[in-house]
Structure formats: C-alpha cells, structure tokens
Amino acid sequence: MTVYTLRIELGPNPPMFDPDEGEEVRCDIDIDETHTLEELHEAIFEAFDRWDAHMYEFMAYDEDGMATRSYAMPENYEGSPSWPPMEPEQIERAISQVGAGDESEETKERFRELRRNPPQEGNAGETTIAALNPEQLGWLYYQFDFGDNWEHIITIEDSREGSLDGDPEFIETHGPIPPQYHDPAQ
C-alpha cells in the first residue's frame, strides 16, 4: 500500500483576502491509496479551518495539463459527462486559443477525443486515490463553494510504502489561512 503526501495550494479565487505579495497559502496532508476523494475533501475542509459545508468538485489533470475527468460530490453525482461535448469547430478554436499549436499531434488528438466524448463524471465518495492512477496524475483541481469559488491545486509531493490507521493526516500549513467568509468590516 502507498501513502501520498499531497500539497493543497489555495488558488487566486476568491479574491477576498490579501496575503503578503507572493506568499503561498497551502497545507500538506498525508493520505493513503484507499482513501476517497470525499475523505480528501473533508481533510482539506478541516485543514483550511472551514465550518460551513458547501458543494465541491475535483477535476483530474494529466502530465500535459489536460483535464481528464471530473469527480462530483456524492450528493450531486448523476453519472453525467464530465463536461459538455464540444463540436469540432469549438475544439479547434480551443486548441488555437490556448496556444497548443506546439503540442504533438498525439496530444492534440487526445484533447479532441476527450472533448468530443467526455468521460462519465466520477463519484468523489466512491473514487479512491489509487483509482486516480497517481503515477500518471499531473495534478487535481479542487473547487469548494460554488458561490465564493475557493480554488485549490493539489499535487503529489511525496509517496512511500505504508498505510494510515484512520483518516487522512494533516501535516502542516504555510501562509495565513483566510477565513471562510470575508468580514466586510475589516
């Protein structure tokens, strides 16, 4: 069995707080391959000192930075496509707009296929870390609270043989954790 150290970095949204220029806000969590994305969500919720539950979603990206599948929270899981299918003209426009002209034909064709035929969304409550194929995973995008849009980038920092007894384990925080809700009086 494998234990992964995940780095969860707070993204630029929502722009409700002003950390020192260039200062990262992140936390590290140990999780083993048997834990689910729902358990990862709960660990992030605690690590970032949140108290009011909201909707969330994960999106897996490969080593080329291409979105490969979305994972809905169990209460919202419908088995729908990960994203709406795109028409060929939309796909080609997307390739040109993101500056992917230098990518290999194989990468562009993979992108075309994923956009024409999106994979079925996964259920975060049933998807284990092992099912994400961590060795092939580039990173995860995690969005919490679709109103305030808290964005996070999750990367694998380390892995080792072993297992955890119980829940994922919080390791450390770096930077000022902003409050879940901005106090306009401040």
C-alpha atoms as a PDB file:
ATOM      1  CA  MET A   1       0.000   0.000   0.000  1.00  0.00           C
ATOM      2  CA  THR A   2       1.122   3.582  -0.632  1.00  0.00           C
ATOM      3  CA  VAL A   3       0.827   6.794   1.401  1.00  0.00           C
ATOM      4  CA  TYR A   4       0.921  10.069  -0.540  1.00  0.00           C
ATOM      5  CA  THR A   5       1.809  13.495   0.775  1.00  0.00           C
ATOM      6  CA  LEU A   6      -0.436  15.939  -1.023  1.00  0.00           C
ATOM      7  CA  ARG A   7       0.186  19.676  -1.221  1.00  0.00           C
ATOM      8  CA  ILE A   8      -3.031  21.661  -1.375  1.00  0.00           C
ATOM      9  CA  GLU A   9      -2.344  25.181  -2.586  1.00  0.00           C
ATOM     10  CA  LEU A  10      -5.030  27.841  -2.337  1.00  0.00           C
ATOM     11  CA  GLY A  11      -5.668  29.427  -5.726  1.00  0.00           C
ATOM     12  CA  PRO A  12      -6.385  33.052  -6.548  1.00  0.00           C
ATOM     13  CA  ASN A  13     -10.132  32.793  -6.018  1.00  0.00           C
ATOM     14  CA  PRO A  14     -11.966  34.143  -4.245  1.00  0.00           C
ATOM     15  CA  PRO A  15     -10.065  37.427  -4.109  1.00  0.00           C
ATOM     16  CA  MET A  16     -11.406  38.070  -0.596  1.00  0.00           C
ATOM     17  CA  PHE A  17      -8.107  38.219   1.223  1.00  0.00           C
ATOM     18  CA  ASP A  18      -4.764  39.819   0.594  1.00  0.00           C
ATOM     19  CA  PRO A  19      -1.882  37.600   1.688  1.00  0.00           C
ATOM     20  CA  ASP A  20       1.535  39.173   1.570  1.00  0.00           C
ATOM     21  CA  GLU A  21       2.719  39.635  -2.006  1.00  0.00           C
ATOM     22  CA  GLY A  22       3.973  36.316  -3.339  1.00  0.00           C
ATOM     23  CA  GLU A  23       3.148  34.362  -0.188  1.00  0.00           C
ATOM     24  CA  GLU A  24       1.667  30.939  -0.802  1.00  0.00           C
ATOM     25  CA  VAL A  25      -1.206  29.623   1.257  1.00  0.00           C
ATOM     26  CA  ARG A  26      -1.079  25.860   1.386  1.00  0.00           C
ATOM     27  CA  CYS A  27      -1.316  22.777   3.543  1.00  0.00           C
ATOM     28  CA  ASP A  28       0.141  19.300   3.298  1.00  0.00           C
ATOM     29  CA  ILE A  29      -1.914  16.191   4.020  1.00  0.00           C
ATOM     30  CA  ASP A  30      -0.936  12.516   4.132  1.00  0.00           C
ATOM     31  CA  ILE A  31      -3.493  10.209   2.545  1.00  0.00           C
ATOM     32  CA  ASP A  32      -3.250   6.576   1.532  1.00  0.00           C
ATOM     33  CA  GLU A  33      -4.425   4.947  -1.644  1.00  0.00           C
ATOM     34  CA  THR A  34      -7.584   3.534  -0.017  1.00  0.00           C
ATOM     35  CA  HIS A  35      -8.971   6.929   0.977  1.00  0.00           C
ATOM     36  CA  THR A  36     -11.616   8.508  -1.236  1.00  0.00           C
ATOM     37  CA  LEU A  37     -11.820  11.965  -2.739  1.00  0.00           C
ATOM     38  CA  GLU A  38     -14.660  12.644  -0.299  1.00  0.00           C
ATOM     39  CA  GLU A  39     -12.266  11.911   2.581  1.00  0.00           C
ATOM     40  CA  LEU A  40      -9.701  14.209   0.955  1.00  0.00           C
ATOM     41  CA  HIS A  41     -12.366  16.942   0.766  1.00  0.00           C
ATOM     42  CA  GLU A  42     -13.088  16.502   4.489  1.00  0.00           C
ATOM     43  CA  ALA A  43      -9.372  16.720   5.326  1.00  0.00           C
ATOM     44  CA  ILE A  44      -8.998  19.918   3.259  1.00  0.00           C
ATOM     45  CA  PHE A  45     -12.144  21.335   4.892  1.00  0.00           C
ATOM     46  CA  GLU A  46     -10.566  20.856   8.330  1.00  0.00           C
ATOM     47  CA  ALA A  47      -7.055  21.955   7.323  1.00  0.00           C
ATOM     48  CA  PHE A  48      -8.378  25.240   5.915  1.00  0.00           C
ATOM     49  CA  ASP A  49     -10.457  25.840   9.064  1.00  0.00           C
ATOM     50  CA  ARG A  50     -13.805  25.816   7.290  1.00  0.00           C
ATOM     51  CA  TRP A  51     -17.030  25.294   9.161  1.00  0.00           C
ATOM     52  CA  ASP A  52     -19.910  25.841   6.711  1.00  0.00           C
ATOM     53  CA  ALA A  53     -20.425  22.967   4.247  1.00  0.00           C
ATOM     54  CA  HIS A  54     -20.873  23.728   0.542  1.00  0.00           C
ATOM     55  CA  MET A  55     -20.727  21.939  -2.782  1.00  0.00           C
ATOM     56  CA  TYR A  56     -17.368  20.802  -4.122  1.00  0.00           C
ATOM     57  CA  GLU A  57     -15.832  19.123  -7.154  1.00  0.00           C
ATOM     58  CA  PHE A  58     -12.488  17.680  -8.211  1.00  0.00           C
ATOM     59  CA  MET A  59     -11.018  17.704 -11.730  1.00  0.00           C
ATOM     60  CA  ALA A  60      -8.088  15.438 -12.642  1.00  0.00           C
ATOM     61  CA  TYR A  61      -5.367  16.705 -14.999  1.00  0.00           C
ATOM     62  CA  ASP A  62      -2.679  14.644 -16.673  1.00  0.00           C
ATOM     63  CA  GLU A  63       1.022  15.400 -17.020  1.00  0.00           C
ATOM     64  CA  ASP A  64       0.260  17.517 -20.121  1.00  0.00           C
ATOM     65  CA  GLY A  65      -2.126  19.722 -18.130  1.00  0.00           C
ATOM     66  CA  MET A  66      -5.182  18.272 -19.858  1.00  0.00           C
ATOM     67  CA  ALA A  67      -8.421  17.783 -17.907  1.00  0.00           C
ATOM     68  CA  THR A  68      -9.214  14.074 -17.977  1.00  0.00           C
ATOM     69  CA  ARG A  69     -12.255  13.638 -15.709  1.00  0.00           C
ATOM     70  CA  SER A  70     -14.393  15.412 -13.109  1.00  0.00           C
ATOM     71  CA  TYR A  71     -15.492  13.978  -9.762  1.00  0.00           C
ATOM     72  CA  ALA A  72     -18.731  15.213  -8.203  1.00  0.00           C
ATOM     73  CA  MET A  73     -19.577  15.174  -4.517  1.00  0.00           C
ATOM     74  CA  PRO A  74     -21.813  12.179  -3.718  1.00  0.00           C
ATOM     75  CA  GLU A  75     -24.964  14.274  -3.235  1.00  0.00           C
ATOM     76  CA  ASN A  76     -24.559  15.787  -6.723  1.00  0.00           C
ATOM     77  CA  TYR A  77     -23.326  12.727  -8.570  1.00  0.00           C
ATOM     78  CA  GLU A  78     -25.534  11.934 -11.586  1.00  0.00           C
ATOM     79  CA  GLY A  79     -23.198   9.902 -13.796  1.00  0.00           C
ATOM     80  CA  SER A  80     -23.308  12.708 -16.385  1.00  0.00           C
ATOM     81  CA  PRO A  81     -20.451  13.528 -18.738  1.00  0.00           C
ATOM     82  CA  SER A  82     -17.553  15.319 -17.037  1.00  0.00           C
ATOM     83  CA  TRP A  83     -18.230  18.343 -19.266  1.00  0.00           C
ATOM     84  CA  PRO A  84     -20.485  19.122 -22.225  1.00  0.00           C
ATOM     85  CA  PRO A  85     -19.295  17.606 -25.526  1.00  0.00           C
ATOM     86  CA  MET A  86     -17.837  20.081 -27.993  1.00  0.00           C
ATOM     87  CA  GLU A  87     -18.360  20.408 -31.728  1.00  0.00           C
ATOM     88  CA  PRO A  88     -15.267  20.050 -33.983  1.00  0.00           C
ATOM     89  CA  GLU A  89     -15.121  23.811 -34.679  1.00  0.00           C
ATOM     90  CA  GLN A  90     -15.204  24.578 -30.946  1.00  0.00           C
ATOM     91  CA  ILE A  91     -12.420  22.075 -30.318  1.00  0.00           C
ATOM     92  CA  GLU A  92     -10.150  23.566 -32.970  1.00  0.00           C
ATOM     93  CA  ARG A  93     -10.851  27.071 -31.687  1.00  0.00           C
ATOM     94  CA  ALA A  94      -9.958  25.929 -28.146  1.00  0.00           C
ATOM     95  CA  ILE A  95      -6.685  24.409 -29.377  1.00  0.00           C
ATOM     96  CA  SER A  96      -5.727  27.662 -31.102  1.00  0.00           C
ATOM     97  CA  GLN A  97      -6.807  29.868 -28.162  1.00  0.00           C
ATOM     98  CA  VAL A  98      -4.750  28.056 -25.550  1.00  0.00           C
ATOM     99  CA  GLY A  99      -1.659  28.156 -27.714  1.00  0.00           C
ATOM    100  CA  ALA A 100      -1.495  24.395 -28.098  1.00  0.00           C
ATOM    101  CA  GLY A 101      -0.204  24.656 -31.659  1.00  0.00           C
ATOM    102  CA  ASP A 102       3.210  23.438 -30.490  1.00  0.00           C
ATOM    103  CA  GLU A 103       1.794  20.308 -28.856  1.00  0.00           C
ATOM    104  CA  SER A 104       2.299  16.957 -30.541  1.00  0.00           C
ATOM    105  CA  GLU A 105      -0.404  15.657 -32.856  1.00  0.00           C
ATOM    106  CA  GLU A 106      -0.931  12.786 -30.414  1.00  0.00           C
ATOM    107  CA  THR A 107      -1.649  15.245 -27.568  1.00  0.00           C
ATOM    108  CA  LYS A 108      -3.987  17.328 -29.723  1.00  0.00           C
ATOM    109  CA  GLU A 109      -5.841  14.204 -30.870  1.00  0.00           C
ATOM    110  CA  ARG A 110      -6.232  13.074 -27.256  1.00  0.00           C
ATOM    111  CA  PHE A 111      -7.667  16.514 -26.440  1.00  0.00           C
ATOM    112  CA  ARG A 112     -10.062  16.275 -29.392  1.00  0.00           C
ATOM    113  CA  GLU A 113     -11.268  12.855 -28.287  1.00  0.00           C
ATOM    114  CA  LEU A 114     -11.786  13.949 -24.664  1.00  0.00           C
ATOM    115  CA  ARG A 115     -13.789  16.959 -25.814  1.00  0.00           C
ATOM    116  CA  ARG A 116     -15.896  15.043 -28.366  1.00  0.00           C
ATOM    117  CA  ASN A 117     -16.578  12.154 -25.991  1.00  0.00           C
ATOM    118  CA  PRO A 118     -16.175  13.326 -22.390  1.00  0.00           C
ATOM    119  CA  PRO A 119     -15.744  10.599 -19.787  1.00  0.00           C
ATOM    120  CA  GLN A 120     -18.500   9.998 -17.271  1.00  0.00           C
ATOM    121  CA  GLU A 121     -18.010  12.020 -14.088  1.00  0.00           C
ATOM    122  CA  GLY A 122     -16.768  10.089 -11.093  1.00  0.00           C
ATOM    123  CA  ASN A 123     -18.344   9.926  -7.655  1.00  0.00           C
ATOM    124  CA  ALA A 124     -15.993  11.504  -5.076  1.00  0.00           C
ATOM    125  CA  GLY A 125     -17.457   9.241  -2.387  1.00  0.00           C
ATOM    126  CA  GLU A 126     -16.506   6.089  -4.303  1.00  0.00           C
ATOM    127  CA  THR A 127     -13.286   7.154  -6.046  1.00  0.00           C
ATOM    128  CA  THR A 128     -10.142   6.161  -4.179  1.00  0.00           C
ATOM    129  CA  ILE A 129      -6.771   7.817  -4.531  1.00  0.00           C
ATOM    130  CA  ALA A 130      -5.484   4.589  -6.142  1.00  0.00           C
ATOM    131  CA  ALA A 131      -8.225   4.828  -8.798  1.00  0.00           C
ATOM    132  CA  LEU A 132      -6.770   8.187  -9.912  1.00  0.00           C
ATOM    133  CA  ASN A 133      -3.589   6.400 -11.075  1.00  0.00           C
ATOM    134  CA  PRO A 134      -1.322   8.713  -9.033  1.00  0.00           C
ATOM    135  CA  GLU A 135       1.744   7.782 -11.104  1.00  0.00           C
ATOM    136  CA  GLN A 136       0.053   9.258 -14.193  1.00  0.00           C
ATOM    137  CA  LEU A 137      -1.788  12.099 -12.469  1.00  0.00           C
ATOM    138  CA  GLY A 138      -0.411  15.550 -13.147  1.00  0.00           C
ATOM    139  CA  TRP A 139      -2.488  17.352 -10.527  1.00  0.00           C
ATOM    140  CA  LEU A 140      -6.003  17.805  -9.171  1.00  0.00           C
ATOM    141  CA  TYR A 141      -8.117  20.936  -9.216  1.00  0.00           C
ATOM    142  CA  TYR A 142     -10.477  21.189  -6.247  1.00  0.00           C
ATOM    143  CA  GLN A 143     -13.239  23.778  -6.092  1.00  0.00           C
ATOM    144  CA  PHE A 144     -15.166  24.360  -2.882  1.00  0.00           C
ATOM    145  CA  ASP A 145     -18.266  26.559  -2.503  1.00  0.00           C
ATOM    146  CA  PHE A 146     -19.545  27.306  -5.987  1.00  0.00           C
ATOM    147  CA  GLY A 147     -20.682  30.765  -4.819  1.00  0.00           C
ATOM    148  CA  ASP A 148     -17.337  32.002  -3.472  1.00  0.00           C
ATOM    149  CA  ASN A 149     -15.353  29.597  -5.698  1.00  0.00           C
ATOM    150  CA  TRP A 150     -12.473  28.634  -3.432  1.00  0.00           C
ATOM    151  CA  GLU A 151      -9.928  27.175  -5.881  1.00  0.00           C
ATOM    152  CA  HIS A 152      -7.142  24.748  -4.933  1.00  0.00           C
ATOM    153  CA  ILE A 153      -4.374  22.989  -6.830  1.00  0.00           C
ATOM    154  CA  ILE A 154      -3.367  19.608  -5.425  1.00  0.00           C
ATOM    155  CA  THR A 155      -0.053  17.975  -6.273  1.00  0.00           C
ATOM    156  CA  ILE A 156       1.684  14.857  -5.036  1.00  0.00           C
ATOM    157  CA  GLU A 157       4.798  15.917  -3.131  1.00  0.00           C
ATOM    158  CA  ASP A 158       5.954  12.503  -1.945  1.00  0.00           C
ATOM    159  CA  SER A 159       4.976   8.857  -1.702  1.00  0.00           C
ATOM    160  CA  ARG A 160       6.097   5.988   0.478  1.00  0.00           C
ATOM    161  CA  GLU A 161       5.136   2.442   1.306  1.00  0.00           C
ATOM    162  CA  GLY A 162       2.722   2.148   4.200  1.00  0.00           C
ATOM    163  CA  SER A 163      -0.826   2.864   5.255  1.00  0.00           C
ATOM    164  CA  LEU A 164      -2.634   5.180   7.630  1.00  0.00           C
ATOM    165  CA  ASP A 165      -4.709   3.985  10.522  1.00  0.00           C
ATOM    166  CA  GLY A 166      -7.883   6.009  10.086  1.00  0.00           C
ATOM    167  CA  ASP A 167      -8.433   9.336   8.396  1.00  0.00           C
ATOM    168  CA  PRO A 168      -6.011  11.345   6.249  1.00  0.00           C
ATOM    169  CA  GLU A 169      -3.497  13.186   8.420  1.00  0.00           C
ATOM    170  CA  PHE A 170      -2.865  16.913   8.418  1.00  0.00           C
ATOM    171  CA  ILE A 171       0.886  17.659   8.329  1.00  0.00           C
ATOM    172  CA  GLU A 172       1.402  21.418   8.143  1.00  0.00           C
ATOM    173  CA  THR A 173       0.123  24.760   6.919  1.00  0.00           C
ATOM    174  CA  HIS A 174       2.104  27.510   5.227  1.00  0.00           C
ATOM    175  CA  GLY A 175       0.855  31.079   4.979  1.00  0.00           C
ATOM    176  CA  PRO A 176      -2.157  32.797   6.517  1.00  0.00           C
ATOM    177  CA  ILE A 177      -5.306  30.692   6.200  1.00  0.00           C
ATOM    178  CA  PRO A 178      -8.072  33.143   5.270  1.00  0.00           C
ATOM    179  CA  PRO A 179     -11.458  32.930   6.999  1.00  0.00           C
ATOM    180  CA  GLN A 180     -14.149  31.068   5.095  1.00  0.00           C
ATOM    181  CA  TYR A 181     -16.174  34.272   4.838  1.00  0.00           C
ATOM    182  CA  HIS A 182     -14.724  37.743   4.427  1.00  0.00           C
ATOM    183  CA  ASP A 183     -15.723  40.231   7.116  1.00  0.00           C
ATOM    184  CA  PRO A 184     -16.550  43.443   5.223  1.00  0.00           C
ATOM    185  CA  ALA A 185     -15.989  45.448   8.435  1.00  0.00           C
ATOM    186  CA  GLN A 186     -12.262  44.647   8.297  1.00  0.00           C
END
